[in-house]
ModelCIF file with pLDDT and N, C-alpha, C, O atoms, coordinates in Angstrom:
data_MODEL
#
_entry.id   MODEL 
#
_entity.id                         1 
_entity.type                       polymer 
_entity.pdbx_number_of_molecules   1 
#
_entity_poly.entity_id                      1 
_entity_poly.type                           'polypeptide(L)' 
_entity_poly.nstd_linkage                   no 
_entity_poly.nstd_monomer                   no 
_entity_poly.pdbx_seq_one_letter_code       DGYLRTRGIRDLTLAGLATDFCVHYSAVDAARLGFS 
_entity_poly.pdbx_seq_one_letter_code_can   DGYLRTRGIRDLTLAGLATDFCVHYSAVDAARLGFS 
_entity_poly.pdbx_strand_id                 A 
#
loop_
_entity_poly_seq.entity_id 
_entity_poly_seq.num 
_entity_poly_seq.mon_id 
_entity_poly_seq.hetero 
1 1  ASP n 
1 2  GLY n 
1 3  TYR n 
1 4  LEU n 
1 5  ARG n 
1 6  THR n 
1 7  ARG n 
1 8  GLY n 
1 9  ILE n 
1 10 ARG n 
1 11 ASP n 
1 12 LEU n 
1 13 THR n 
1 14 LEU n 
1 15 ALA n 
1 16 GLY n 
1 17 LEU n 
1 18 ALA n 
1 19 THR n 
1 20 ASP n 
1 21 PHE n 
1 22 CYS n 
1 23 VAL n 
1 24 HIS n 
1 25 TYR n 
1 26 SER n 
1 27 ALA n 
1 28 VAL n 
1 29 ASP n 
1 30 ALA n 
1 31 ALA n 
1 32 ARG n 
1 33 LEU n 
1 34 GLY n 
1 35 PHE n 
1 36 SER n 
#
_struct_asym.id          A 
_struct_asym.entity_id   1 
#
loop_
_ma_qa_metric.id 
_ma_qa_metric.mode 
_ma_qa_metric.name 
_ma_qa_metric.software_group_id 
_ma_qa_metric.type 
1 global pLDDT . pLDDT 
2 local  pLDDT . pLDDT 
#
_ma_qa_metric_global.metric_id      1 
_ma_qa_metric_global.metric_value   97.36 
_ma_qa_metric_global.model_id       1 
_ma_qa_metric_global.ordinal_id     1 
#
loop_
_ma_qa_metric_local.label_asym_id 
_ma_qa_metric_local.label_comp_id 
_ma_qa_metric_local.label_seq_id 
_ma_qa_metric_local.metric_id 
_ma_qa_metric_local.metric_value 
_ma_qa_metric_local.model_id 
_ma_qa_metric_local.ordinal_id 
A ASP 1  2 98.00 1 1  
A GLY 2  2 97.00 1 2  
A TYR 3  2 97.00 1 3  
A LEU 4  2 97.00 1 4  
A ARG 5  2 96.00 1 5  
A THR 6  2 96.00 1 6  
A ARG 7  2 95.00 1 7  
A GLY 8  2 95.00 1 8  
A ILE 9  2 96.00 1 9  
A ARG 10 2 96.00 1 10 
A ASP 11 2 97.00 1 11 
A LEU 12 2 98.00 1 12 
A THR 13 2 98.00 1 13 
A LEU 14 2 98.00 1 14 
A ALA 15 2 98.00 1 15 
A GLY 16 2 98.00 1 16 
A LEU 17 2 98.00 1 17 
A ALA 18 2 97.00 1 18 
A THR 19 2 98.00 1 19 
A ASP 20 2 97.00 1 20 
A PHE 21 2 97.00 1 21 
A CYS 22 2 98.00 1 22 
A VAL 23 2 98.00 1 23 
A HIS 24 2 98.00 1 24 
A TYR 25 2 98.00 1 25 
A SER 26 2 98.00 1 26 
A ALA 27 2 98.00 1 27 
A VAL 28 2 98.00 1 28 
A ASP 29 2 98.00 1 29 
A ALA 30 2 98.00 1 30 
A ALA 31 2 98.00 1 31 
A ARG 32 2 97.00 1 32 
A LEU 33 2 98.00 1 33 
A GLY 34 2 97.00 1 34 
A PHE 35 2 98.00 1 35 
A SER 36 2 98.00 1 36 
#
loop_
_atom_site.group_PDB 
_atom_site.id 
_atom_site.type_symbol 
_atom_site.label_atom_id 
_atom_site.label_alt_id 
_atom_site.label_comp_id 
_atom_site.label_asym_id 
_atom_site.label_entity_id 
_atom_site.label_seq_id 
_atom_site.pdbx_PDB_ins_code 
_atom_site.Cartn_x 
_atom_site.Cartn_y 
_atom_site.Cartn_z 
_atom_site.occupancy 
_atom_site.B_iso_or_equiv 
_atom_site.pdbx_formal_charge 
_atom_site.auth_seq_id 
_atom_site.auth_comp_id 
_atom_site.auth_asym_id 
_atom_site.auth_atom_id 
_atom_site.pdbx_PDB_model_num 
ATOM 1   N N  . ASP A 1 1  ? 57.749 142.706 112.983 1.00 98.00 ? 1  ASP A N  1 
ATOM 2   C CA . ASP A 1 1  ? 57.895 143.794 112.016 1.00 98.00 ? 1  ASP A CA 1 
ATOM 3   C C  . ASP A 1 1  ? 56.535 144.185 111.434 1.00 98.00 ? 1  ASP A C  1 
ATOM 4   O O  . ASP A 1 1  ? 56.190 145.367 111.406 1.00 98.00 ? 1  ASP A O  1 
ATOM 5   N N  . GLY A 1 2  ? 55.775 143.216 110.978 1.00 97.00 ? 2  GLY A N  1 
ATOM 6   C CA . GLY A 1 2  ? 54.456 143.498 110.411 1.00 97.00 ? 2  GLY A CA 1 
ATOM 7   C C  . GLY A 1 2  ? 53.501 144.120 111.413 1.00 97.00 ? 2  GLY A C  1 
ATOM 8   O O  . GLY A 1 2  ? 52.735 145.023 111.075 1.00 97.00 ? 2  GLY A O  1 
ATOM 9   N N  . TYR A 1 3  ? 53.548 143.636 112.647 1.00 97.00 ? 3  TYR A N  1 
ATOM 10  C CA . TYR A 1 3  ? 52.682 144.174 113.693 1.00 97.00 ? 3  TYR A CA 1 
ATOM 11  C C  . TYR A 1 3  ? 52.977 145.659 113.927 1.00 97.00 ? 3  TYR A C  1 
ATOM 12  O O  . TYR A 1 3  ? 52.067 146.485 113.992 1.00 97.00 ? 3  TYR A O  1 
ATOM 13  N N  . LEU A 1 4  ? 54.261 145.977 114.052 1.00 97.00 ? 4  LEU A N  1 
ATOM 14  C CA . LEU A 1 4  ? 54.637 147.368 114.303 1.00 97.00 ? 4  LEU A CA 1 
ATOM 15  C C  . LEU A 1 4  ? 54.244 148.272 113.147 1.00 97.00 ? 4  LEU A C  1 
ATOM 16  O O  . LEU A 1 4  ? 53.739 149.374 113.364 1.00 97.00 ? 4  LEU A O  1 
ATOM 17  N N  . ARG A 1 5  ? 54.471 147.817 111.926 1.00 96.00 ? 5  ARG A N  1 
ATOM 18  C CA . ARG A 1 5  ? 54.134 148.638 110.757 1.00 96.00 ? 5  ARG A CA 1 
ATOM 19  C C  . ARG A 1 5  ? 52.622 148.831 110.640 1.00 96.00 ? 5  ARG A C  1 
ATOM 20  O O  . ARG A 1 5  ? 52.160 149.914 110.279 1.00 96.00 ? 5  ARG A O  1 
ATOM 21  N N  . THR A 1 6  ? 51.865 147.803 110.938 1.00 96.00 ? 6  THR A N  1 
ATOM 22  C CA . THR A 1 6  ? 50.411 147.915 110.885 1.00 96.00 ? 6  THR A CA 1 
ATOM 23  C C  . THR A 1 6  ? 49.899 148.958 111.866 1.00 96.00 ? 6  THR A C  1 
ATOM 24  O O  . THR A 1 6  ? 48.916 149.648 111.599 1.00 96.00 ? 6  THR A O  1 
ATOM 25  N N  . ARG A 1 7  ? 50.574 149.064 113.001 1.00 95.00 ? 7  ARG A N  1 
ATOM 26  C CA . ARG A 1 7  ? 50.172 150.050 114.016 1.00 95.00 ? 7  ARG A CA 1 
ATOM 27  C C  . ARG A 1 7  ? 50.791 151.423 113.790 1.00 95.00 ? 7  ARG A C  1 
ATOM 28  O O  . ARG A 1 7  ? 50.531 152.353 114.554 1.00 95.00 ? 7  ARG A O  1 
ATOM 29  N N  . GLY A 1 8  ? 51.603 151.559 112.753 1.00 95.00 ? 8  GLY A N  1 
ATOM 30  C CA . GLY A 1 8  ? 52.203 152.853 112.454 1.00 95.00 ? 8  GLY A CA 1 
ATOM 31  C C  . GLY A 1 8  ? 53.346 153.226 113.371 1.00 95.00 ? 8  GLY A C  1 
ATOM 32  O O  . GLY A 1 8  ? 53.672 154.405 113.504 1.00 95.00 ? 8  GLY A O  1 
ATOM 33  N N  . ILE A 1 9  ? 53.961 152.244 114.006 1.00 96.00 ? 9  ILE A N  1 
ATOM 34  C CA . ILE A 1 9  ? 55.062 152.503 114.937 1.00 96.00 ? 9  ILE A CA 1 
ATOM 35  C C  . ILE A 1 9  ? 56.375 152.546 114.174 1.00 96.00 ? 9  ILE A C  1 
ATOM 36  O O  . ILE A 1 9  ? 56.709 151.623 113.431 1.00 96.00 ? 9  ILE A O  1 
ATOM 37  N N  . ARG A 1 10 ? 57.124 153.645 114.371 1.00 96.00 ? 10 ARG A N  1 
ATOM 38  C CA . ARG A 1 10 ? 58.403 153.813 113.676 1.00 96.00 ? 10 ARG A CA 1 
ATOM 39  C C  . ARG A 1 10 ? 59.587 153.941 114.631 1.00 96.00 ? 10 ARG A C  1 
ATOM 40  O O  . ARG A 1 10 ? 60.727 153.677 114.248 1.00 96.00 ? 10 ARG A O  1 
ATOM 41  N N  . ASP A 1 11 ? 59.319 154.347 115.876 1.00 97.00 ? 11 ASP A N  1 
ATOM 42  C CA . ASP A 1 11 ? 60.379 154.566 116.862 1.00 97.00 ? 11 ASP A CA 1 
ATOM 43  C C  . ASP A 1 11 ? 60.295 153.511 117.952 1.00 97.00 ? 11 ASP A C  1 
ATOM 44  O O  . ASP A 1 11 ? 59.227 153.272 118.516 1.00 97.00 ? 11 ASP A O  1 
ATOM 45  N N  . LEU A 1 12 ? 61.420 152.887 118.244 1.00 98.00 ? 12 LEU A N  1 
ATOM 46  C CA . LEU A 1 12 ? 61.464 151.832 119.259 1.00 98.00 ? 12 LEU A CA 1 
ATOM 47  C C  . LEU A 1 12 ? 62.494 152.162 120.322 1.00 98.00 ? 12 LEU A C  1 
ATOM 48  O O  . LEU A 1 12 ? 63.603 152.602 120.017 1.00 98.00 ? 12 LEU A O  1 
ATOM 49  N N  . THR A 1 13 ? 62.117 151.946 121.566 1.00 98.00 ? 13 THR A N  1 
ATOM 50  C CA . THR A 1 13 ? 63.052 151.958 122.682 1.00 98.00 ? 13 THR A CA 1 
ATOM 51  C C  . THR A 1 13 ? 63.116 150.548 123.227 1.00 98.00 ? 13 THR A C  1 
ATOM 52  O O  . THR A 1 13 ? 62.087 149.944 123.530 1.00 98.00 ? 13 THR A O  1 
ATOM 53  N N  . LEU A 1 14 ? 64.335 150.017 123.354 1.00 98.00 ? 14 LEU A N  1 
ATOM 54  C CA . LEU A 1 14 ? 64.526 148.649 123.827 1.00 98.00 ? 14 LEU A CA 1 
ATOM 55  C C  . LEU A 1 14 ? 65.167 148.649 125.204 1.00 98.00 ? 14 LEU A C  1 
ATOM 56  O O  . LEU A 1 14 ? 65.993 149.504 125.524 1.00 98.00 ? 14 LEU A O  1 
ATOM 57  N N  . ALA A 1 15 ? 64.767 147.665 126.018 1.00 98.00 ? 15 ALA A N  1 
ATOM 58  C CA . ALA A 1 15 ? 65.353 147.447 127.331 1.00 98.00 ? 15 ALA A CA 1 
ATOM 59  C C  . ALA A 1 15 ? 65.172 145.981 127.673 1.00 98.00 ? 15 ALA A C  1 
ATOM 60  O O  . ALA A 1 15 ? 64.264 145.327 127.160 1.00 98.00 ? 15 ALA A O  1 
ATOM 61  N N  . GLY A 1 16 ? 66.044 145.454 128.547 1.00 98.00 ? 16 GLY A N  1 
ATOM 62  C CA . GLY A 1 16 ? 65.845 144.085 128.991 1.00 98.00 ? 16 GLY A CA 1 
ATOM 63  C C  . GLY A 1 16 ? 67.118 143.274 129.084 1.00 98.00 ? 16 GLY A C  1 
ATOM 64  O O  . GLY A 1 16 ? 68.197 143.807 129.341 1.00 98.00 ? 16 GLY A O  1 
ATOM 65  N N  . LEU A 1 17 ? 66.976 141.973 128.872 1.00 98.00 ? 17 LEU A N  1 
ATOM 66  C CA . LEU A 1 17 ? 68.056 141.002 129.083 1.00 98.00 ? 17 LEU A CA 1 
ATOM 67  C C  . LEU A 1 17 ? 68.218 140.114 127.852 1.00 98.00 ? 17 LEU A C  1 
ATOM 68  O O  . LEU A 1 17 ? 67.218 139.688 127.273 1.00 98.00 ? 17 LEU A O  1 
ATOM 69  N N  . ALA A 1 18 ? 69.384 139.841 127.463 1.00 97.00 ? 18 ALA A N  1 
ATOM 70  C CA . ALA A 1 18 ? 70.626 140.433 127.911 1.00 97.00 ? 18 ALA A CA 1 
ATOM 71  C C  . ALA A 1 18 ? 71.110 141.411 126.843 1.00 97.00 ? 18 ALA A C  1 
ATOM 72  O O  . ALA A 1 18 ? 70.903 141.201 125.648 1.00 97.00 ? 18 ALA A O  1 
ATOM 73  N N  . THR A 1 19 ? 71.758 142.483 127.300 1.00 98.00 ? 19 THR A N  1 
ATOM 74  C CA . THR A 1 19 ? 72.209 143.540 126.391 1.00 98.00 ? 19 THR A CA 1 
ATOM 75  C C  . THR A 1 19 ? 73.030 142.985 125.231 1.00 98.00 ? 19 THR A C  1 
ATOM 76  O O  . THR A 1 19 ? 72.889 143.431 124.093 1.00 98.00 ? 19 THR A O  1 
ATOM 77  N N  . ASP A 1 20 ? 73.888 142.011 125.527 1.00 97.00 ? 20 ASP A N  1 
ATOM 78  C CA . ASP A 1 20 ? 74.846 141.521 124.531 1.00 97.00 ? 20 ASP A CA 1 
ATOM 79  C C  . ASP A 1 20 ? 74.319 140.394 123.658 1.00 97.00 ? 20 ASP A C  1 
ATOM 80  O O  . ASP A 1 20 ? 75.020 139.945 122.751 1.00 97.00 ? 20 ASP A O  1 
ATOM 81  N N  . PHE A 1 21 ? 73.105 139.926 123.909 1.00 97.00 ? 21 PHE A N  1 
ATOM 82  C CA . PHE A 1 21 ? 72.531 138.895 123.050 1.00 97.00 ? 21 PHE A CA 1 
ATOM 83  C C  . PHE A 1 21 ? 71.167 139.325 122.528 1.00 97.00 ? 21 PHE A C  1 
ATOM 84  O O  . PHE A 1 21 ? 71.096 139.895 121.440 1.00 97.00 ? 21 PHE A O  1 
ATOM 85  N N  . CYS A 1 22 ? 70.097 139.080 123.245 1.00 98.00 ? 22 CYS A N  1 
ATOM 86  C CA . CYS A 1 22 ? 68.771 139.323 122.672 1.00 98.00 ? 22 CYS A CA 1 
ATOM 87  C C  . CYS A 1 22 ? 68.460 140.804 122.462 1.00 98.00 ? 22 CYS A C  1 
ATOM 88  O O  . CYS A 1 22 ? 67.813 141.157 121.476 1.00 98.00 ? 22 CYS A O  1 
ATOM 89  N N  . VAL A 1 23 ? 68.909 141.679 123.370 1.00 98.00 ? 23 VAL A N  1 
ATOM 90  C CA . VAL A 1 23 ? 68.711 143.111 123.148 1.00 98.00 ? 23 VAL A CA 1 
ATOM 91  C C  . VAL A 1 23 ? 69.519 143.557 121.932 1.00 98.00 ? 23 VAL A C  1 
ATOM 92  O O  . VAL A 1 23 ? 69.006 144.258 121.059 1.00 98.00 ? 23 VAL A O  1 
ATOM 93  N N  . HIS A 1 24 ? 70.776 143.149 121.884 1.00 98.00 ? 24 HIS A N  1 
ATOM 94  C CA . HIS A 1 24 ? 71.670 143.499 120.772 1.00 98.00 ? 24 HIS A CA 1 
ATOM 95  C C  . HIS A 1 24 ? 71.077 143.082 119.425 1.00 98.00 ? 24 HIS A C  1 
ATOM 96  O O  . HIS A 1 24 ? 70.935 143.914 118.529 1.00 98.00 ? 24 HIS A O  1 
ATOM 97  N N  . TYR A 1 25 ? 70.732 141.805 119.278 1.00 98.00 ? 25 TYR A N  1 
ATOM 98  C CA . TYR A 1 25 ? 70.232 141.309 117.992 1.00 98.00 ? 25 TYR A CA 1 
ATOM 99  C C  . TYR A 1 25 ? 68.908 141.969 117.622 1.00 98.00 ? 25 TYR A C  1 
ATOM 100 O O  . TYR A 1 25 ? 68.673 142.271 116.451 1.00 98.00 ? 25 TYR A O  1 
ATOM 101 N N  . SER A 1 26 ? 68.049 142.193 118.597 1.00 98.00 ? 26 SER A N  1 
ATOM 102 C CA . SER A 1 26 ? 66.766 142.851 118.325 1.00 98.00 ? 26 SER A CA 1 
ATOM 103 C C  . SER A 1 26 ? 66.980 144.284 117.854 1.00 98.00 ? 26 SER A C  1 
ATOM 104 O O  . SER A 1 26 ? 66.321 144.738 116.918 1.00 98.00 ? 26 SER A O  1 
ATOM 105 N N  . ALA A 1 27 ? 67.902 145.001 118.503 1.00 98.00 ? 27 ALA A N  1 
ATOM 106 C CA . ALA A 1 27 ? 68.155 146.396 118.143 1.00 98.00 ? 27 ALA A CA 1 
ATOM 107 C C  . ALA A 1 27 ? 68.749 146.516 116.745 1.00 98.00 ? 27 ALA A C  1 
ATOM 108 O O  . ALA A 1 27 ? 68.334 147.372 115.965 1.00 98.00 ? 27 ALA A O  1 
ATOM 109 N N  . VAL A 1 28 ? 69.715 145.663 116.427 1.00 98.00 ? 28 VAL A N  1 
ATOM 110 C CA . VAL A 1 28 ? 70.345 145.712 115.107 1.00 98.00 ? 28 VAL A CA 1 
ATOM 111 C C  . VAL A 1 28 ? 69.333 145.360 114.018 1.00 98.00 ? 28 VAL A C  1 
ATOM 112 O O  . VAL A 1 28 ? 69.300 146.004 112.969 1.00 98.00 ? 28 VAL A O  1 
ATOM 113 N N  . ASP A 1 29 ? 68.518 144.352 114.260 1.00 98.00 ? 29 ASP A N  1 
ATOM 114 C CA . ASP A 1 29 ? 67.498 143.994 113.268 1.00 98.00 ? 29 ASP A CA 1 
ATOM 115 C C  . ASP A 1 29 ? 66.482 145.108 113.092 1.00 98.00 ? 29 ASP A C  1 
ATOM 116 O O  . ASP A 1 29 ? 66.078 145.404 111.968 1.00 98.00 ? 29 ASP A O  1 
ATOM 117 N N  . ALA A 1 30 ? 66.067 145.726 114.181 1.00 98.00 ? 30 ALA A N  1 
ATOM 118 C CA . ALA A 1 30 ? 65.103 146.825 114.077 1.00 98.00 ? 30 ALA A CA 1 
ATOM 119 C C  . ALA A 1 30 ? 65.670 147.973 113.250 1.00 98.00 ? 30 ALA A C  1 
ATOM 120 O O  . ALA A 1 30 ? 64.972 148.546 112.414 1.00 98.00 ? 30 ALA A O  1 
ATOM 121 N N  . ALA A 1 31 ? 66.936 148.309 113.484 1.00 98.00 ? 31 ALA A N  1 
ATOM 122 C CA . ALA A 1 31 ? 67.574 149.377 112.709 1.00 98.00 ? 31 ALA A CA 1 
ATOM 123 C C  . ALA A 1 31 ? 67.675 148.987 111.241 1.00 98.00 ? 31 ALA A C  1 
ATOM 124 O O  . ALA A 1 31 ? 67.427 149.805 110.356 1.00 98.00 ? 31 ALA A O  1 
ATOM 125 N N  . ARG A 1 32 ? 68.041 147.732 110.985 1.00 97.00 ? 32 ARG A N  1 
ATOM 126 C CA . ARG A 1 32 ? 68.164 147.251 109.606 1.00 97.00 ? 32 ARG A CA 1 
ATOM 127 C C  . ARG A 1 32 ? 66.813 147.296 108.877 1.00 97.00 ? 32 ARG A C  1 
ATOM 128 O O  . ARG A 1 32 ? 66.759 147.500 107.665 1.00 97.00 ? 32 ARG A O  1 
ATOM 129 N N  . LEU A 1 33 ? 65.733 147.106 109.630 1.00 98.00 ? 33 LEU A N  1 
ATOM 130 C CA . LEU A 1 33 ? 64.391 147.138 109.043 1.00 98.00 ? 33 LEU A CA 1 
ATOM 131 C C  . LEU A 1 33 ? 63.851 148.557 108.882 1.00 98.00 ? 33 LEU A C  1 
ATOM 132 O O  . LEU A 1 33 ? 62.741 148.751 108.386 1.00 98.00 ? 33 LEU A O  1 
ATOM 133 N N  . GLY A 1 34 ? 64.648 149.556 109.307 1.00 97.00 ? 34 GLY A N  1 
ATOM 134 C CA . GLY A 1 34 ? 64.260 150.938 109.084 1.00 97.00 ? 34 GLY A CA 1 
ATOM 135 C C  . GLY A 1 34 ? 63.628 151.647 110.258 1.00 97.00 ? 34 GLY A C  1 
ATOM 136 O O  . GLY A 1 34 ? 63.173 152.781 110.108 1.00 97.00 ? 34 GLY A O  1 
ATOM 137 N N  . PHE A 1 35 ? 63.582 151.028 111.412 1.00 98.00 ? 35 PHE A N  1 
ATOM 138 C CA . PHE A 1 35 ? 63.045 151.689 112.590 1.00 98.00 ? 35 PHE A CA 1 
ATOM 139 C C  . PHE A 1 35 ? 64.110 152.612 113.196 1.00 98.00 ? 35 PHE A C  1 
ATOM 140 O O  . PHE A 1 35 ? 65.309 152.383 113.039 1.00 98.00 ? 35 PHE A O  1 
ATOM 141 N N  . SER A 1 36 ? 63.658 153.634 113.875 1.00 98.00 ? 36 SER A N  1 
ATOM 142 C CA . SER A 1 36 ? 64.536 154.472 114.690 1.00 98.00 ? 36 SER A CA 1 
ATOM 143 C C  . SER A 1 36 ? 64.643 153.789 116.050 1.00 98.00 ? 36 SER A C  1 
ATOM 144 O O  . SER A 1 36 ? 65.332 154.290 116.939 1.00 98.00 ? 36 SER A O  1 
#
């Protein structure tokens, strides 16, 4: 989170393995932290 904010990144596209575990949790956390 800190790394992305320091670089001014606000929009994230996620891809990878597995959709229902690590992709899912990463995406939900990113949205909760205010990223698009």
